[in-house]
Amino acid sequence: MTMKKIILIIVAITFMANIIVAQDNNNDLRDKLQFGMKAGANFSNIYDSKNQEFNADFKVGFAAGPFLAIPIGKYIGLQPEILFSQKGYKATGTFLTIPYKFTHTTSYIDVPLLFALKPSANVTLLAGPQYSFLVNQKDVFTGGGLIVDQEQQFKNDRSVFCFLGGIDINLNQFVFSARAGWDLQNNNGDGTSTNPRYKNVWYQATLGFKF
């Protein structure tokens, strides 16, 4: 390889690097206040807090809502969100030799307050508490030619204290979010709280857009 070609390659690499750095600087919005909307899916189940065997399958539900990225400097910040979030589980079994299916669906208004760590313009790490307000519960039992469908509506006095963690991948104004969360404590709405035996656990994937 001639010296001329080597110099051309070095110049080309330097030029491309400068373009990439300039684009990264232009798209670095870590110190900007941003509002966004996102939508996606929950993959939820429940677990037994008494560590006894419980057989249930994951259920897919819808999740969507607005979020706000509040900077506290360039590398840290807060991210509150308000999401409509479906959780629950599926179960199968037999009763008196008759197979059955049971689907439990709960609809919540999730309000997480997440602490954000922003090591780069494209990656945000998040963790923090969440309150989930139960608004609807639907149970469907199918077995032996029988279908039982029950649905209940609730006021916002049934809240659950949760913990949430995850990561955001920022690509210009688009953001792909992945979360994992689980219930910690149930608020009875009258100032008292309990630790329910069966608690939600879920994984969430959403696609959002920042304005």
N, C-alpha and C. Protein backbone atom coordinates (compact mmCIF):
# COMPACT_ATOMS: atom_id res chain seq x y z
N MET A 1 0.85 -1.19 0.00
CA MET A 1 0.00 0.00 0.00
C MET A 1 0.89 1.25 0.00
N THR A 2 0.61 2.16 -0.92
CA THR A 2 1.43 3.34 -1.05
C THR A 2 1.12 4.33 0.07
N MET A 3 2.04 5.25 0.28
CA MET A 3 1.88 6.27 1.30
C MET A 3 0.66 7.15 0.99
N LYS A 4 0.40 7.38 -0.28
CA LYS A 4 -0.75 8.21 -0.67
C LYS A 4 -2.05 7.58 -0.22
N LYS A 5 -2.18 6.24 -0.41
CA LYS A 5 -3.40 5.55 0.00
C LYS A 5 -3.55 5.57 1.52
N ILE A 6 -2.45 5.41 2.25
CA ILE A 6 -2.49 5.43 3.71
C ILE A 6 -2.99 6.78 4.21
N ILE A 7 -2.47 7.85 3.60
CA ILE A 7 -2.89 9.19 4.00
C ILE A 7 -4.37 9.40 3.72
N LEU A 8 -4.86 8.91 2.55
CA LEU A 8 -6.28 9.04 2.21
C LEU A 8 -7.16 8.29 3.20
N ILE A 9 -6.74 7.08 3.62
CA ILE A 9 -7.50 6.29 4.58
C ILE A 9 -7.56 7.01 5.92
N ILE A 10 -6.41 7.57 6.37
CA ILE A 10 -6.38 8.29 7.65
C ILE A 10 -7.29 9.51 7.59
N VAL A 11 -7.25 10.24 6.49
CA VAL A 11 -8.11 11.41 6.34
C VAL A 11 -9.57 11.01 6.35
N ALA A 12 -9.92 9.90 5.65
CA ALA A 12 -11.32 9.44 5.60
C ALA A 12 -11.80 9.02 6.99
N ILE A 13 -10.96 8.28 7.73
CA ILE A 13 -11.33 7.84 9.07
C ILE A 13 -11.52 9.04 9.99
N THR A 14 -10.61 10.00 9.90
CA THR A 14 -10.73 11.22 10.72
C THR A 14 -12.00 11.99 10.39
N PHE A 15 -12.32 12.09 9.10
CA PHE A 15 -13.52 12.80 8.67
C PHE A 15 -14.77 12.11 9.20
N MET A 16 -14.83 10.77 9.08
CA MET A 16 -15.98 10.02 9.57
C MET A 16 -16.12 10.14 11.08
N ALA A 17 -14.99 10.09 11.79
CA ALA A 17 -15.03 10.22 13.26
C ALA A 17 -15.57 11.58 13.67
N ASN A 18 -15.15 12.64 12.94
CA ASN A 18 -15.65 13.97 13.26
C ASN A 18 -17.15 14.08 13.02
N ILE A 19 -17.64 13.44 11.96
CA ILE A 19 -19.08 13.45 11.68
C ILE A 19 -19.85 12.75 12.80
N ILE A 20 -19.35 11.56 13.22
CA ILE A 20 -20.02 10.79 14.28
C ILE A 20 -20.05 11.57 15.58
N VAL A 21 -18.91 12.19 15.94
CA VAL A 21 -18.84 12.97 17.17
C VAL A 21 -19.79 14.16 17.11
N ALA A 22 -19.83 14.83 15.94
CA ALA A 22 -20.71 15.98 15.79
C ALA A 22 -22.17 15.57 15.92
N GLN A 23 -22.54 14.43 15.29
CA GLN A 23 -23.92 13.95 15.39
C GLN A 23 -24.26 13.59 16.82
N ASP A 24 -23.33 12.93 17.53
CA ASP A 24 -23.57 12.55 18.92
C ASP A 24 -23.76 13.77 19.80
N ASN A 25 -22.98 14.82 19.55
CA ASN A 25 -23.12 16.05 20.33
C ASN A 25 -24.45 16.74 20.03
N ASN A 26 -24.87 16.71 18.76
CA ASN A 26 -26.13 17.34 18.40
C ASN A 26 -27.32 16.60 18.98
N ASN A 27 -27.20 15.27 19.15
CA ASN A 27 -28.30 14.46 19.65
C ASN A 27 -28.21 14.23 21.15
N ASP A 28 -27.26 14.83 21.83
CA ASP A 28 -27.11 14.65 23.27
C ASP A 28 -28.07 15.59 23.99
N LEU A 29 -29.19 15.02 24.44
CA LEU A 29 -30.23 15.81 25.09
C LEU A 29 -30.33 15.50 26.58
N ARG A 30 -29.24 15.02 27.16
CA ARG A 30 -29.28 14.60 28.55
C ARG A 30 -29.58 15.73 29.52
N ASP A 31 -29.23 16.95 29.17
CA ASP A 31 -29.47 18.09 30.06
C ASP A 31 -30.70 18.88 29.64
N LYS A 32 -31.58 18.29 28.81
CA LYS A 32 -32.79 18.96 28.35
C LYS A 32 -34.03 18.32 28.99
N LEU A 33 -35.01 19.15 29.33
CA LEU A 33 -36.30 18.67 29.79
C LEU A 33 -37.06 18.12 28.60
N GLN A 34 -37.54 16.87 28.71
CA GLN A 34 -38.22 16.23 27.59
C GLN A 34 -39.51 15.56 28.04
N PHE A 35 -40.53 15.67 27.19
CA PHE A 35 -41.80 15.00 27.40
C PHE A 35 -41.95 13.93 26.33
N GLY A 36 -42.54 12.79 26.71
CA GLY A 36 -42.68 11.72 25.74
C GLY A 36 -43.93 10.88 25.97
N MET A 37 -44.26 10.07 24.97
CA MET A 37 -45.34 9.10 25.02
C MET A 37 -44.77 7.75 24.61
N LYS A 38 -45.28 6.68 25.25
CA LYS A 38 -44.79 5.37 24.88
C LYS A 38 -45.90 4.34 25.00
N ALA A 39 -45.73 3.21 24.31
CA ALA A 39 -46.71 2.13 24.34
C ALA A 39 -45.98 0.82 24.09
N GLY A 40 -46.55 -0.25 24.65
CA GLY A 40 -45.92 -1.56 24.48
C GLY A 40 -46.69 -2.62 25.23
N ALA A 41 -45.96 -3.59 25.79
CA ALA A 41 -46.59 -4.75 26.39
C ALA A 41 -45.97 -5.10 27.73
N ASN A 42 -46.81 -5.64 28.62
CA ASN A 42 -46.37 -6.26 29.87
C ASN A 42 -46.40 -7.77 29.71
N PHE A 43 -45.41 -8.43 30.30
CA PHE A 43 -45.39 -9.88 30.41
C PHE A 43 -45.41 -10.17 31.91
N SER A 44 -46.59 -10.49 32.44
CA SER A 44 -46.78 -10.50 33.89
C SER A 44 -47.15 -11.89 34.41
N ASN A 45 -46.88 -12.07 35.70
CA ASN A 45 -47.24 -13.27 36.42
C ASN A 45 -47.39 -12.88 37.87
N ILE A 46 -47.61 -13.83 38.77
CA ILE A 46 -47.62 -13.56 40.19
C ILE A 46 -46.70 -14.56 40.88
N TYR A 47 -46.26 -14.20 42.08
CA TYR A 47 -45.44 -15.11 42.87
C TYR A 47 -45.99 -15.19 44.29
N ASP A 48 -45.69 -16.31 44.94
CA ASP A 48 -46.17 -16.58 46.29
C ASP A 48 -45.13 -16.10 47.28
N SER A 49 -45.48 -15.08 48.09
CA SER A 49 -44.52 -14.52 49.04
C SER A 49 -44.19 -15.48 50.18
N LYS A 50 -44.97 -16.57 50.34
CA LYS A 50 -44.67 -17.57 51.36
C LYS A 50 -43.83 -18.71 50.81
N ASN A 51 -43.38 -18.53 49.54
CA ASN A 51 -42.46 -19.48 48.91
C ASN A 51 -43.04 -20.88 48.77
N GLN A 52 -44.35 -20.98 48.67
CA GLN A 52 -44.96 -22.27 48.39
C GLN A 52 -45.17 -22.41 46.89
N GLU A 53 -45.29 -23.65 46.44
CA GLU A 53 -45.40 -23.90 45.01
C GLU A 53 -46.71 -23.35 44.46
N PHE A 54 -46.59 -22.60 43.38
CA PHE A 54 -47.78 -22.03 42.73
C PHE A 54 -47.54 -22.07 41.23
N ASN A 55 -48.43 -22.74 40.51
CA ASN A 55 -48.27 -22.91 39.08
C ASN A 55 -49.12 -21.91 38.32
N ALA A 56 -48.48 -21.02 37.62
CA ALA A 56 -49.18 -20.03 36.80
C ALA A 56 -48.30 -19.69 35.61
N ASP A 57 -48.92 -19.24 34.55
CA ASP A 57 -48.21 -18.89 33.33
C ASP A 57 -48.25 -17.38 33.11
N PHE A 58 -47.25 -16.87 32.41
CA PHE A 58 -47.19 -15.45 32.09
C PHE A 58 -48.35 -15.05 31.18
N LYS A 59 -48.80 -13.83 31.37
CA LYS A 59 -49.89 -13.26 30.58
C LYS A 59 -49.41 -11.98 29.92
N VAL A 60 -49.81 -11.75 28.68
CA VAL A 60 -49.45 -10.53 27.95
C VAL A 60 -50.54 -9.49 28.12
N GLY A 61 -50.14 -8.25 28.45
CA GLY A 61 -51.09 -7.16 28.61
C GLY A 61 -50.55 -5.89 27.97
N PHE A 62 -51.40 -4.90 27.86
CA PHE A 62 -51.07 -3.63 27.21
C PHE A 62 -50.53 -2.63 28.23
N ALA A 63 -49.59 -1.78 27.81
CA ALA A 63 -49.05 -0.72 28.66
C ALA A 63 -48.80 0.52 27.80
N ALA A 64 -49.24 1.69 28.30
CA ALA A 64 -49.04 2.92 27.53
C ALA A 64 -49.24 4.13 28.42
N GLY A 65 -48.60 5.25 28.06
CA GLY A 65 -48.80 6.48 28.79
C GLY A 65 -47.67 7.48 28.57
N PRO A 66 -47.76 8.65 29.22
CA PRO A 66 -46.75 9.70 29.07
C PRO A 66 -45.63 9.57 30.11
N PHE A 67 -44.51 10.20 29.81
CA PHE A 67 -43.39 10.27 30.76
C PHE A 67 -42.70 11.61 30.60
N LEU A 68 -41.92 11.97 31.62
CA LEU A 68 -41.23 13.25 31.64
C LEU A 68 -39.79 13.02 32.10
N ALA A 69 -38.82 13.43 31.31
CA ALA A 69 -37.40 13.32 31.66
C ALA A 69 -36.94 14.67 32.21
N ILE A 70 -36.63 14.68 33.52
CA ILE A 70 -36.24 15.91 34.20
C ILE A 70 -34.75 15.85 34.53
N PRO A 71 -33.91 16.67 33.91
CA PRO A 71 -32.47 16.59 34.19
C PRO A 71 -32.10 17.24 35.51
N ILE A 72 -31.16 16.61 36.20
CA ILE A 72 -30.50 17.23 37.36
C ILE A 72 -29.01 17.21 37.01
N GLY A 73 -28.61 18.08 36.12
CA GLY A 73 -27.29 18.00 35.53
C GLY A 73 -27.33 17.11 34.31
N LYS A 74 -26.15 16.82 33.77
CA LYS A 74 -26.06 16.08 32.52
C LYS A 74 -26.17 14.58 32.72
N TYR A 75 -25.73 14.07 33.87
CA TYR A 75 -25.60 12.62 34.03
C TYR A 75 -26.64 11.99 34.95
N ILE A 76 -27.42 12.78 35.66
CA ILE A 76 -28.45 12.23 36.52
C ILE A 76 -29.75 13.01 36.31
N GLY A 77 -30.87 12.41 36.73
CA GLY A 77 -32.15 13.08 36.58
C GLY A 77 -33.26 12.26 37.20
N LEU A 78 -34.47 12.72 37.00
CA LEU A 78 -35.68 12.04 37.46
C LEU A 78 -36.57 11.78 36.26
N GLN A 79 -37.31 10.67 36.31
CA GLN A 79 -38.24 10.36 35.22
C GLN A 79 -39.56 9.84 35.79
N PRO A 80 -40.52 10.72 36.05
CA PRO A 80 -41.86 10.27 36.45
C PRO A 80 -42.65 9.83 35.23
N GLU A 81 -43.53 8.85 35.43
CA GLU A 81 -44.35 8.32 34.36
C GLU A 81 -45.77 8.06 34.87
N ILE A 82 -46.74 8.05 33.99
CA ILE A 82 -48.11 7.65 34.31
C ILE A 82 -48.56 6.70 33.22
N LEU A 83 -48.78 5.43 33.57
CA LEU A 83 -49.06 4.41 32.57
C LEU A 83 -50.35 3.66 32.90
N PHE A 84 -51.14 3.39 31.87
CA PHE A 84 -52.19 2.38 31.98
C PHE A 84 -51.52 1.03 31.75
N SER A 85 -51.69 0.09 32.68
CA SER A 85 -50.86 -1.11 32.67
C SER A 85 -51.71 -2.33 33.03
N GLN A 86 -51.76 -3.31 32.13
CA GLN A 86 -52.48 -4.55 32.37
C GLN A 86 -51.53 -5.64 32.88
N LYS A 87 -51.92 -6.30 33.96
CA LYS A 87 -51.13 -7.38 34.54
C LYS A 87 -52.04 -8.58 34.78
N GLY A 88 -51.50 -9.61 35.41
CA GLY A 88 -52.30 -10.79 35.71
C GLY A 88 -51.54 -12.07 35.43
N TYR A 89 -52.28 -13.15 35.23
CA TYR A 89 -51.66 -14.45 34.98
C TYR A 89 -52.68 -15.39 34.36
N LYS A 90 -52.19 -16.51 33.84
CA LYS A 90 -53.03 -17.58 33.33
C LYS A 90 -52.71 -18.86 34.09
N ALA A 91 -53.72 -19.71 34.27
CA ALA A 91 -53.52 -20.97 34.96
C ALA A 91 -54.38 -22.05 34.32
N THR A 92 -53.89 -23.27 34.34
CA THR A 92 -54.64 -24.42 33.85
C THR A 92 -54.58 -25.52 34.89
N GLY A 93 -55.56 -26.40 34.86
CA GLY A 93 -55.58 -27.51 35.81
C GLY A 93 -56.75 -28.42 35.55
N THR A 94 -57.02 -29.31 36.48
CA THR A 94 -58.16 -30.21 36.39
C THR A 94 -58.92 -30.19 37.71
N PHE A 95 -60.23 -30.28 37.60
CA PHE A 95 -61.10 -30.37 38.77
C PHE A 95 -62.10 -31.49 38.53
N LEU A 96 -62.01 -32.56 39.36
CA LEU A 96 -62.85 -33.75 39.18
C LEU A 96 -62.68 -34.30 37.78
N THR A 97 -61.43 -34.39 37.36
CA THR A 97 -61.00 -34.92 36.05
C THR A 97 -61.38 -34.01 34.88
N ILE A 98 -61.99 -32.86 35.14
CA ILE A 98 -62.38 -31.94 34.07
C ILE A 98 -61.32 -30.85 33.93
N PRO A 99 -60.71 -30.71 32.75
CA PRO A 99 -59.70 -29.66 32.57
C PRO A 99 -60.35 -28.27 32.54
N TYR A 100 -59.60 -27.28 33.05
CA TYR A 100 -60.12 -25.92 33.06
C TYR A 100 -58.99 -24.94 32.75
N LYS A 101 -59.40 -23.73 32.36
CA LYS A 101 -58.47 -22.62 32.14
C LYS A 101 -58.98 -21.42 32.95
N PHE A 102 -58.04 -20.68 33.52
CA PHE A 102 -58.40 -19.51 34.32
C PHE A 102 -57.48 -18.36 33.94
N THR A 103 -58.07 -17.21 33.62
CA THR A 103 -57.30 -16.01 33.26
C THR A 103 -57.68 -14.87 34.20
N HIS A 104 -56.68 -14.31 34.84
CA HIS A 104 -56.87 -13.21 35.79
C HIS A 104 -56.20 -11.97 35.21
N THR A 105 -56.98 -10.93 34.94
CA THR A 105 -56.48 -9.69 34.34
C THR A 105 -56.76 -8.52 35.27
N THR A 106 -55.74 -7.78 35.62
CA THR A 106 -55.88 -6.58 36.45
C THR A 106 -55.36 -5.38 35.68
N SER A 107 -56.14 -4.29 35.71
CA SER A 107 -55.76 -3.06 35.04
C SER A 107 -55.40 -2.02 36.09
N TYR A 108 -54.23 -1.42 35.95
CA TYR A 108 -53.72 -0.46 36.93
C TYR A 108 -53.39 0.86 36.25
N ILE A 109 -53.38 1.92 37.05
CA ILE A 109 -52.70 3.15 36.69
C ILE A 109 -51.38 3.14 37.46
N ASP A 110 -50.28 2.94 36.75
CA ASP A 110 -48.96 2.87 37.37
C ASP A 110 -48.33 4.26 37.38
N VAL A 111 -47.78 4.64 38.54
CA VAL A 111 -47.13 5.94 38.69
C VAL A 111 -45.72 5.72 39.26
N PRO A 112 -44.74 5.43 38.40
CA PRO A 112 -43.36 5.29 38.89
C PRO A 112 -42.65 6.64 38.98
N LEU A 113 -41.78 6.76 39.96
CA LEU A 113 -40.87 7.90 40.08
C LEU A 113 -39.46 7.33 40.05
N LEU A 114 -38.81 7.43 38.89
CA LEU A 114 -37.55 6.74 38.65
C LEU A 114 -36.36 7.70 38.72
N PHE A 115 -35.31 7.24 39.37
CA PHE A 115 -34.03 7.95 39.34
C PHE A 115 -33.28 7.53 38.09
N ALA A 116 -32.76 8.49 37.33
CA ALA A 116 -32.12 8.22 36.05
C ALA A 116 -30.62 8.47 36.12
N LEU A 117 -29.85 7.50 35.68
CA LEU A 117 -28.40 7.62 35.51
C LEU A 117 -28.11 7.55 34.03
N LYS A 118 -27.43 8.61 33.50
CA LYS A 118 -27.26 8.75 32.05
C LYS A 118 -25.76 8.73 31.69
N PRO A 119 -25.17 7.53 31.57
CA PRO A 119 -23.74 7.47 31.26
C PRO A 119 -23.40 7.93 29.85
N SER A 120 -24.38 7.88 28.93
CA SER A 120 -24.15 8.35 27.57
C SER A 120 -25.44 8.91 27.02
N ALA A 121 -25.36 9.50 25.83
CA ALA A 121 -26.54 10.08 25.21
C ALA A 121 -27.54 9.01 24.79
N ASN A 122 -27.07 7.79 24.59
CA ASN A 122 -27.93 6.73 24.08
C ASN A 122 -28.44 5.77 25.15
N VAL A 123 -27.90 5.83 26.36
CA VAL A 123 -28.26 4.86 27.39
C VAL A 123 -28.67 5.58 28.67
N THR A 124 -29.83 5.20 29.22
CA THR A 124 -30.30 5.71 30.50
C THR A 124 -30.68 4.53 31.39
N LEU A 125 -30.09 4.46 32.58
CA LEU A 125 -30.42 3.43 33.55
C LEU A 125 -31.39 4.01 34.57
N LEU A 126 -32.45 3.26 34.90
CA LEU A 126 -33.51 3.79 35.75
C LEU A 126 -33.89 2.82 36.85
N ALA A 127 -34.25 3.36 38.03
CA ALA A 127 -34.72 2.54 39.14
C ALA A 127 -35.45 3.43 40.13
N GLY A 128 -36.47 2.87 40.80
CA GLY A 128 -37.18 3.65 41.79
C GLY A 128 -38.51 3.03 42.19
N PRO A 129 -39.24 3.71 43.08
CA PRO A 129 -40.52 3.19 43.57
C PRO A 129 -41.65 3.47 42.59
N GLN A 130 -42.72 2.72 42.78
CA GLN A 130 -43.92 2.91 41.96
C GLN A 130 -45.16 2.63 42.80
N TYR A 131 -46.18 3.46 42.61
CA TYR A 131 -47.50 3.19 43.16
C TYR A 131 -48.41 2.76 42.01
N SER A 132 -49.13 1.67 42.21
CA SER A 132 -50.05 1.16 41.20
C SER A 132 -51.47 1.19 41.76
N PHE A 133 -52.37 1.88 41.07
CA PHE A 133 -53.75 2.03 41.53
C PHE A 133 -54.66 1.11 40.71
N LEU A 134 -55.28 0.15 41.38
CA LEU A 134 -56.12 -0.84 40.72
C LEU A 134 -57.44 -0.20 40.29
N VAL A 135 -57.78 -0.32 38.99
CA VAL A 135 -59.02 0.26 38.49
C VAL A 135 -59.98 -0.79 37.96
N ASN A 136 -59.49 -1.97 37.61
CA ASN A 136 -60.36 -2.98 37.02
C ASN A 136 -59.77 -4.37 37.24
N GLN A 137 -60.65 -5.35 37.46
CA GLN A 137 -60.21 -6.74 37.60
C GLN A 137 -61.20 -7.63 36.86
N LYS A 138 -60.67 -8.54 36.04
CA LYS A 138 -61.51 -9.43 35.26
C LYS A 138 -61.00 -10.86 35.39
N ASP A 139 -61.90 -11.79 35.74
CA ASP A 139 -61.58 -13.20 35.87
C ASP A 139 -62.44 -14.00 34.91
N VAL A 140 -61.80 -14.85 34.14
CA VAL A 140 -62.52 -15.70 33.18
C VAL A 140 -62.16 -17.16 33.47
N PHE A 141 -63.18 -17.96 33.77
CA PHE A 141 -63.01 -19.39 34.04
C PHE A 141 -63.72 -20.17 32.94
N THR A 142 -62.96 -21.10 32.33
CA THR A 142 -63.51 -21.93 31.26
C THR A 142 -63.23 -23.39 31.58
N GLY A 143 -64.29 -24.22 31.60
CA GLY A 143 -64.10 -25.64 31.87
C GLY A 143 -65.40 -26.40 31.82
N GLY A 144 -65.35 -27.61 31.27
CA GLY A 144 -66.54 -28.46 31.21
C GLY A 144 -67.68 -27.85 30.44
N GLY A 145 -67.37 -27.08 29.40
CA GLY A 145 -68.41 -26.43 28.63
C GLY A 145 -69.01 -25.21 29.29
N LEU A 146 -68.43 -24.79 30.42
CA LEU A 146 -68.93 -23.65 31.17
C LEU A 146 -67.95 -22.49 31.09
N ILE A 147 -68.45 -21.27 30.88
CA ILE A 147 -67.64 -20.07 30.87
C ILE A 147 -68.20 -19.09 31.90
N VAL A 148 -67.36 -18.72 32.87
CA VAL A 148 -67.75 -17.75 33.89
C VAL A 148 -66.87 -16.52 33.72
N ASP A 149 -67.50 -15.38 33.48
CA ASP A 149 -66.78 -14.12 33.24
C ASP A 149 -67.24 -13.11 34.28
N GLN A 150 -66.33 -12.71 35.17
CA GLN A 150 -66.65 -11.73 36.21
C GLN A 150 -65.73 -10.53 36.08
N GLU A 151 -66.30 -9.35 36.22
CA GLU A 151 -65.51 -8.12 36.12
C GLU A 151 -65.91 -7.16 37.22
N GLN A 152 -64.91 -6.50 37.83
CA GLN A 152 -65.14 -5.55 38.91
C GLN A 152 -64.43 -4.24 38.61
N GLN A 153 -65.07 -3.13 38.97
CA GLN A 153 -64.46 -1.81 38.88
C GLN A 153 -64.11 -1.33 40.29
N PHE A 154 -63.00 -0.61 40.42
CA PHE A 154 -62.55 -0.14 41.73
C PHE A 154 -62.28 1.35 41.68
N LYS A 155 -62.48 2.00 42.82
CA LYS A 155 -62.03 3.37 42.98
C LYS A 155 -60.53 3.36 43.24
N ASN A 156 -59.90 4.53 43.19
CA ASN A 156 -58.45 4.61 43.37
C ASN A 156 -58.02 4.58 44.83
N ASP A 157 -58.74 3.80 45.66
CA ASP A 157 -58.31 3.64 47.05
C ASP A 157 -57.59 2.31 47.25
N ARG A 158 -57.38 1.58 46.16
CA ARG A 158 -56.65 0.31 46.24
C ARG A 158 -55.32 0.49 45.52
N SER A 159 -54.29 0.75 46.26
CA SER A 159 -52.98 1.00 45.67
C SER A 159 -51.97 -0.01 46.17
N VAL A 160 -50.97 -0.27 45.34
CA VAL A 160 -49.92 -1.24 45.64
C VAL A 160 -48.57 -0.54 45.50
N PHE A 161 -47.71 -0.72 46.49
CA PHE A 161 -46.36 -0.16 46.45
C PHE A 161 -45.44 -1.17 45.76
N CYS A 162 -44.69 -0.69 44.78
CA CYS A 162 -43.86 -1.58 43.94
C CYS A 162 -42.44 -1.01 43.81
N PHE A 163 -41.57 -1.82 43.21
CA PHE A 163 -40.23 -1.36 42.84
C PHE A 163 -40.01 -1.68 41.38
N LEU A 164 -39.30 -0.78 40.68
CA LEU A 164 -39.14 -0.88 39.24
C LEU A 164 -37.70 -0.55 38.85
N GLY A 165 -37.18 -1.25 37.87
CA GLY A 165 -35.85 -0.94 37.35
C GLY A 165 -35.79 -1.26 35.87
N GLY A 166 -34.87 -0.60 35.15
CA GLY A 166 -34.79 -0.89 33.73
C GLY A 166 -33.79 -0.01 33.01
N ILE A 167 -33.93 0.01 31.69
CA ILE A 167 -33.00 0.73 30.82
C ILE A 167 -33.76 1.35 29.66
N ASP A 168 -33.34 2.54 29.25
CA ASP A 168 -33.84 3.19 28.04
C ASP A 168 -32.71 3.28 27.03
N ILE A 169 -33.01 2.91 25.79
CA ILE A 169 -32.08 3.09 24.68
C ILE A 169 -32.62 4.24 23.83
N ASN A 170 -31.86 5.34 23.77
CA ASN A 170 -32.31 6.56 23.10
C ASN A 170 -31.68 6.65 21.71
N LEU A 171 -32.53 6.70 20.69
CA LEU A 171 -32.09 6.83 19.31
C LEU A 171 -32.76 8.07 18.73
N ASN A 172 -32.04 9.19 18.78
CA ASN A 172 -32.61 10.49 18.44
C ASN A 172 -33.83 10.74 19.33
N GLN A 173 -35.01 10.90 18.73
CA GLN A 173 -36.22 11.16 19.53
C GLN A 173 -36.96 9.88 19.92
N PHE A 174 -36.54 8.76 19.39
CA PHE A 174 -37.18 7.48 19.73
C PHE A 174 -36.47 6.87 20.94
N VAL A 175 -37.25 6.16 21.75
CA VAL A 175 -36.67 5.52 22.92
C VAL A 175 -37.29 4.13 23.10
N PHE A 176 -36.43 3.12 23.20
CA PHE A 176 -36.87 1.77 23.50
C PHE A 176 -36.63 1.52 24.98
N SER A 177 -37.66 1.12 25.70
CA SER A 177 -37.59 0.94 27.15
C SER A 177 -37.83 -0.51 27.53
N ALA A 178 -37.04 -1.00 28.47
CA ALA A 178 -37.23 -2.33 29.05
C ALA A 178 -37.25 -2.19 30.56
N ARG A 179 -38.24 -2.79 31.21
CA ARG A 179 -38.43 -2.66 32.65
C ARG A 179 -38.68 -4.03 33.28
N ALA A 180 -38.37 -4.13 34.57
CA ALA A 180 -38.75 -5.27 35.40
C ALA A 180 -39.28 -4.71 36.71
N GLY A 181 -40.43 -5.21 37.17
CA GLY A 181 -41.03 -4.68 38.39
C GLY A 181 -41.71 -5.75 39.19
N TRP A 182 -41.91 -5.48 40.47
CA TRP A 182 -42.62 -6.42 41.34
C TRP A 182 -43.25 -5.67 42.51
N ASP A 183 -44.39 -6.22 42.97
CA ASP A 183 -45.09 -5.63 44.11
C ASP A 183 -44.30 -5.85 45.39
N LEU A 184 -44.32 -4.84 46.28
CA LEU A 184 -43.69 -4.95 47.59
C LEU A 184 -44.72 -4.99 48.71
N GLN A 185 -45.69 -4.09 48.64
CA GLN A 185 -46.65 -3.96 49.73
C GLN A 185 -47.96 -3.43 49.20
N ASN A 186 -49.06 -3.87 49.80
CA ASN A 186 -50.39 -3.45 49.39
C ASN A 186 -50.91 -2.39 50.35
N ASN A 187 -51.44 -1.30 49.79
CA ASN A 187 -52.04 -0.24 50.58
C ASN A 187 -53.55 -0.46 50.59
N ASN A 188 -54.14 -0.60 51.79
CA ASN A 188 -55.57 -0.90 51.89
C ASN A 188 -56.46 0.32 51.67
N GLY A 189 -55.88 1.51 51.54
CA GLY A 189 -56.68 2.69 51.28
C GLY A 189 -57.19 3.38 52.53
N ASP A 190 -56.97 2.79 53.71
CA ASP A 190 -57.45 3.40 54.95
C ASP A 190 -56.30 3.76 55.88
N GLY A 191 -55.10 3.88 55.31
CA GLY A 191 -53.93 4.21 56.12
C GLY A 191 -53.16 3.02 56.60
N THR A 192 -53.69 1.81 56.40
CA THR A 192 -53.00 0.59 56.79
C THR A 192 -52.44 -0.10 55.56
N SER A 193 -51.50 -0.99 55.77
CA SER A 193 -50.92 -1.71 54.66
C SER A 193 -50.68 -3.15 55.06
N THR A 194 -50.66 -4.02 54.07
CA THR A 194 -50.42 -5.44 54.29
C THR A 194 -49.44 -5.96 53.25
N ASN A 195 -48.92 -7.13 53.51
CA ASN A 195 -48.08 -7.81 52.54
C ASN A 195 -48.88 -8.95 51.93
N PRO A 196 -49.49 -8.76 50.77
CA PRO A 196 -50.33 -9.81 50.19
C PRO A 196 -49.51 -11.05 49.85
N ARG A 197 -50.14 -12.20 49.99
CA ARG A 197 -49.42 -13.45 49.73
C ARG A 197 -49.02 -13.58 48.27
N TYR A 198 -49.94 -13.24 47.36
CA TYR A 198 -49.66 -13.34 45.93
C TYR A 198 -49.43 -11.94 45.37
N LYS A 199 -48.27 -11.76 44.74
CA LYS A 199 -47.87 -10.43 44.28
C LYS A 199 -47.54 -10.46 42.78
N ASN A 200 -47.76 -9.32 42.13
CA ASN A 200 -47.45 -9.20 40.71
C ASN A 200 -45.94 -9.13 40.50
N VAL A 201 -45.51 -9.73 39.42
CA VAL A 201 -44.16 -9.52 38.90
C VAL A 201 -44.31 -9.40 37.38
N TRP A 202 -43.61 -8.45 36.78
CA TRP A 202 -43.81 -8.22 35.35
C TRP A 202 -42.55 -7.70 34.69
N TYR A 203 -42.49 -7.95 33.39
CA TYR A 203 -41.46 -7.40 32.50
C TYR A 203 -42.18 -6.58 31.45
N GLN A 204 -41.60 -5.44 31.12
CA GLN A 204 -42.29 -4.50 30.23
C GLN A 204 -41.34 -4.04 29.12
N ALA A 205 -41.88 -4.00 27.90
CA ALA A 205 -41.13 -3.49 26.75
C ALA A 205 -42.00 -2.49 26.02
N THR A 206 -41.49 -1.27 25.81
CA THR A 206 -42.25 -0.23 25.14
C THR A 206 -41.39 0.53 24.13
N LEU A 207 -42.05 1.14 23.19
CA LEU A 207 -41.41 2.04 22.23
C LEU A 207 -42.02 3.41 22.42
N GLY A 208 -41.18 4.44 22.57
CA GLY A 208 -41.68 5.78 22.83
C GLY A 208 -41.09 6.82 21.91
N PHE A 209 -41.66 8.02 22.01
CA PHE A 209 -41.20 9.15 21.22
C PHE A 209 -41.11 10.36 22.12
N LYS A 210 -39.98 11.07 22.08
CA LYS A 210 -39.75 12.25 22.90
C LYS A 210 -39.97 13.52 22.07
N PHE A 211 -40.64 14.49 22.68
CA PHE A 211 -40.91 15.76 22.00
C PHE A 211 -39.92 16.83 22.44
